[in-house]
Amino acid sequence: MPSSVETYRVYCFDDVHAVVTAELIEAASDEEAIAKAEAAGFGSKCEIWHRDRLVAKLEGERRIA
């Protein structure tokens, strides 16, 4: 059975935890959403949310394209 695609939100924060960016990611699972956020360069102080559920906090370095 194919997985349905869901919309995830990625919020990145500054040093005082104010939202700097908010992006949407389409993914079939939490793991795919995390992988897509990391591949897109999100990482430094970011959170991934699915509806009202915190999926992950990313703490890596953010790449600038």
N, C-alpha and C. Protein backbone atom coordinates (compact mmCIF):
# COMPACT_ATOMS: atom_id res chain seq x y z
N MET A 1 0.85 -1.18 0.00
CA MET A 1 0.00 0.00 0.00
C MET A 1 0.89 1.24 0.00
N PRO A 2 0.72 2.17 -0.97
CA PRO A 2 1.57 3.36 -1.01
C PRO A 2 1.29 4.30 0.15
N SER A 3 2.34 4.95 0.61
CA SER A 3 2.21 5.91 1.70
C SER A 3 1.64 7.21 1.16
N SER A 4 0.85 7.88 1.96
CA SER A 4 0.34 9.19 1.55
C SER A 4 1.39 10.24 1.89
N VAL A 5 1.40 11.28 1.09
CA VAL A 5 2.34 12.37 1.32
C VAL A 5 1.71 13.36 2.28
N GLU A 6 2.48 13.78 3.25
CA GLU A 6 2.02 14.73 4.27
C GLU A 6 2.85 16.01 4.17
N THR A 7 2.32 17.08 4.71
CA THR A 7 3.04 18.35 4.75
C THR A 7 3.66 18.52 6.13
N TYR A 8 4.96 18.80 6.15
CA TYR A 8 5.71 19.07 7.37
C TYR A 8 6.17 20.52 7.32
N ARG A 9 6.30 21.13 8.50
CA ARG A 9 6.80 22.50 8.60
C ARG A 9 8.18 22.48 9.23
N VAL A 10 9.09 23.27 8.68
CA VAL A 10 10.44 23.39 9.22
C VAL A 10 10.62 24.84 9.66
N TYR A 11 10.85 25.03 10.95
CA TYR A 11 11.09 26.35 11.51
C TYR A 11 12.55 26.44 11.93
N CYS A 12 13.23 27.50 11.49
CA CYS A 12 14.60 27.73 11.92
C CYS A 12 14.62 28.99 12.79
N PHE A 13 15.45 28.97 13.81
CA PHE A 13 15.45 30.00 14.84
C PHE A 13 16.79 30.71 14.91
N ASP A 14 16.75 31.93 15.48
CA ASP A 14 17.99 32.64 15.76
C ASP A 14 18.42 32.34 17.19
N ASP A 15 19.40 33.08 17.69
CA ASP A 15 19.96 32.81 19.02
C ASP A 15 18.99 33.04 20.17
N VAL A 16 17.93 33.83 19.95
CA VAL A 16 16.96 34.07 21.02
C VAL A 16 15.65 33.31 20.76
N HIS A 17 15.73 32.29 19.91
CA HIS A 17 14.63 31.38 19.58
C HIS A 17 13.46 32.09 18.88
N ALA A 18 13.77 33.15 18.14
CA ALA A 18 12.76 33.78 17.29
C ALA A 18 12.81 33.10 15.92
N VAL A 19 11.65 32.86 15.33
CA VAL A 19 11.61 32.18 14.03
C VAL A 19 12.21 33.09 12.97
N VAL A 20 13.18 32.55 12.24
CA VAL A 20 13.84 33.27 11.16
C VAL A 20 13.26 32.85 9.82
N THR A 21 13.05 31.53 9.65
CA THR A 21 12.45 31.02 8.41
C THR A 21 11.42 29.95 8.76
N ALA A 22 10.46 29.82 7.87
CA ALA A 22 9.45 28.76 7.97
C ALA A 22 9.26 28.20 6.58
N GLU A 23 9.46 26.91 6.41
CA GLU A 23 9.37 26.25 5.11
C GLU A 23 8.44 25.05 5.22
N LEU A 24 7.87 24.65 4.10
CA LEU A 24 7.05 23.46 4.03
C LEU A 24 7.80 22.38 3.27
N ILE A 25 7.67 21.14 3.74
CA ILE A 25 8.28 19.98 3.09
C ILE A 25 7.20 18.92 2.93
N GLU A 26 7.12 18.32 1.76
CA GLU A 26 6.21 17.21 1.50
C GLU A 26 6.99 15.92 1.68
N ALA A 27 6.48 15.00 2.50
CA ALA A 27 7.16 13.73 2.75
C ALA A 27 6.15 12.66 3.13
N ALA A 28 6.54 11.40 2.89
CA ALA A 28 5.67 10.28 3.20
C ALA A 28 5.88 9.76 4.62
N SER A 29 6.95 10.21 5.30
CA SER A 29 7.23 9.73 6.66
C SER A 29 8.07 10.76 7.39
N ASP A 30 8.15 10.59 8.72
CA ASP A 30 9.00 11.47 9.52
C ASP A 30 10.45 11.38 9.05
N GLU A 31 10.91 10.16 8.79
CA GLU A 31 12.29 9.95 8.39
C GLU A 31 12.59 10.66 7.07
N GLU A 32 11.65 10.59 6.13
CA GLU A 32 11.84 11.27 4.84
C GLU A 32 11.86 12.78 5.03
N ALA A 33 10.99 13.31 5.90
CA ALA A 33 10.97 14.75 6.16
C ALA A 33 12.29 15.22 6.76
N ILE A 34 12.82 14.45 7.71
CA ILE A 34 14.11 14.79 8.32
C ILE A 34 15.21 14.77 7.26
N ALA A 35 15.24 13.72 6.43
CA ALA A 35 16.25 13.61 5.38
C ALA A 35 16.15 14.76 4.39
N LYS A 36 14.93 15.14 4.01
CA LYS A 36 14.75 16.25 3.07
C LYS A 36 15.19 17.57 3.69
N ALA A 37 14.88 17.78 4.96
CA ALA A 37 15.30 19.02 5.63
C ALA A 37 16.82 19.09 5.71
N GLU A 38 17.45 17.99 6.06
CA GLU A 38 18.91 17.97 6.14
C GLU A 38 19.53 18.17 4.76
N ALA A 39 18.97 17.54 3.72
CA ALA A 39 19.49 17.68 2.36
C ALA A 39 19.32 19.10 1.83
N ALA A 40 18.28 19.79 2.30
CA ALA A 40 18.03 21.16 1.86
C ALA A 40 18.94 22.16 2.57
N GLY A 41 19.69 21.68 3.56
CA GLY A 41 20.62 22.57 4.25
C GLY A 41 20.10 23.11 5.55
N PHE A 42 18.88 22.71 5.95
CA PHE A 42 18.39 23.12 7.25
C PHE A 42 19.17 22.36 8.30
N GLY A 43 19.34 22.95 9.46
CA GLY A 43 20.05 22.19 10.47
C GLY A 43 20.32 22.96 11.73
N SER A 44 20.77 24.19 11.61
CA SER A 44 21.15 24.94 12.79
C SER A 44 19.90 25.48 13.49
N LYS A 45 19.61 24.95 14.66
CA LYS A 45 18.47 25.38 15.46
C LYS A 45 17.16 25.36 14.69
N CYS A 46 16.84 24.23 14.10
CA CYS A 46 15.59 24.07 13.36
C CYS A 46 14.74 22.98 14.01
N GLU A 47 13.43 23.10 13.83
CA GLU A 47 12.49 22.09 14.28
C GLU A 47 11.61 21.68 13.12
N ILE A 48 11.30 20.40 13.06
CA ILE A 48 10.38 19.87 12.06
C ILE A 48 9.09 19.48 12.77
N TRP A 49 7.98 19.98 12.26
CA TRP A 49 6.67 19.73 12.86
C TRP A 49 5.74 19.07 11.85
N HIS A 50 4.95 18.12 12.31
CA HIS A 50 3.87 17.53 11.52
C HIS A 50 2.59 17.78 12.31
N ARG A 51 1.75 18.62 11.76
CA ARG A 51 0.55 19.08 12.46
C ARG A 51 0.95 19.69 13.80
N ASP A 52 0.50 19.15 14.93
CA ASP A 52 0.86 19.72 16.23
C ASP A 52 1.93 18.91 16.95
N ARG A 53 2.65 18.06 16.21
CA ARG A 53 3.63 17.15 16.80
C ARG A 53 5.05 17.54 16.38
N LEU A 54 5.92 17.74 17.36
CA LEU A 54 7.33 17.99 17.08
C LEU A 54 7.97 16.68 16.64
N VAL A 55 8.49 16.65 15.43
CA VAL A 55 9.09 15.44 14.86
C VAL A 55 10.57 15.35 15.21
N ALA A 56 11.29 16.47 15.04
CA ALA A 56 12.74 16.44 15.29
C ALA A 56 13.27 17.84 15.48
N LYS A 57 14.38 17.91 16.19
CA LYS A 57 15.17 19.15 16.30
C LYS A 57 16.48 18.89 15.58
N LEU A 58 16.82 19.79 14.67
CA LEU A 58 18.07 19.67 13.93
C LEU A 58 19.08 20.63 14.54
N GLU A 59 20.25 20.12 14.80
CA GLU A 59 21.27 20.94 15.47
C GLU A 59 22.56 21.06 14.67
N GLY A 60 22.58 20.56 13.44
CA GLY A 60 23.80 20.61 12.63
C GLY A 60 24.07 22.00 12.10
N GLU A 61 25.11 22.11 11.26
CA GLU A 61 25.42 23.39 10.64
C GLU A 61 24.50 23.63 9.47
N ARG A 62 24.06 24.85 9.31
CA ARG A 62 23.20 25.21 8.18
C ARG A 62 24.08 25.58 7.00
N ARG A 63 23.79 24.97 5.84
CA ARG A 63 24.51 25.30 4.62
C ARG A 63 23.76 26.41 3.90
N ILE A 64 24.51 27.33 3.32
CA ILE A 64 23.90 28.40 2.53
C ILE A 64 24.23 28.13 1.07
N ALA A 65 23.19 28.00 0.26
CA ALA A 65 23.38 27.66 -1.16
C ALA A 65 23.82 28.87 -1.96
